[in-house]
Amino acid sequence: MEPSTTPGELKAVRIIVGLHGQGVAEKLGIKPKDIVSLLLQRRFSRPLINLLNDDVAVELGQRFGYEVTSFHLKRWLPEEEFEELIRD
């Protein structure tokens, strides 16, 4: 687990609101066990399958060098943006 050293080095990533720990790990490209470790420290039960709120996802992203922004899947997306989301 390597936390980010400086805010200027954060990489941008977008996630869907309400992802579970496994989904956040996959989106950030890190090992799920690293997410589990941090969530267990915060007393989350079943961290890989419980849904995470936006604040937790943002905090986890920052710990691993990402600037996380979230969006609601149900909101309207331009077709190009939707196609890009599906490819990711």
Foldseek 3Di string as FASTA:
>chain_A
DAFDDDLVQAAEFEEEFFAALLVLCVRLVHDSVVSVVVVVVVVDPPRRPGTDGPVSSCVVSNGHRHRYDYDHPPDDDPPVVVVVVVVD
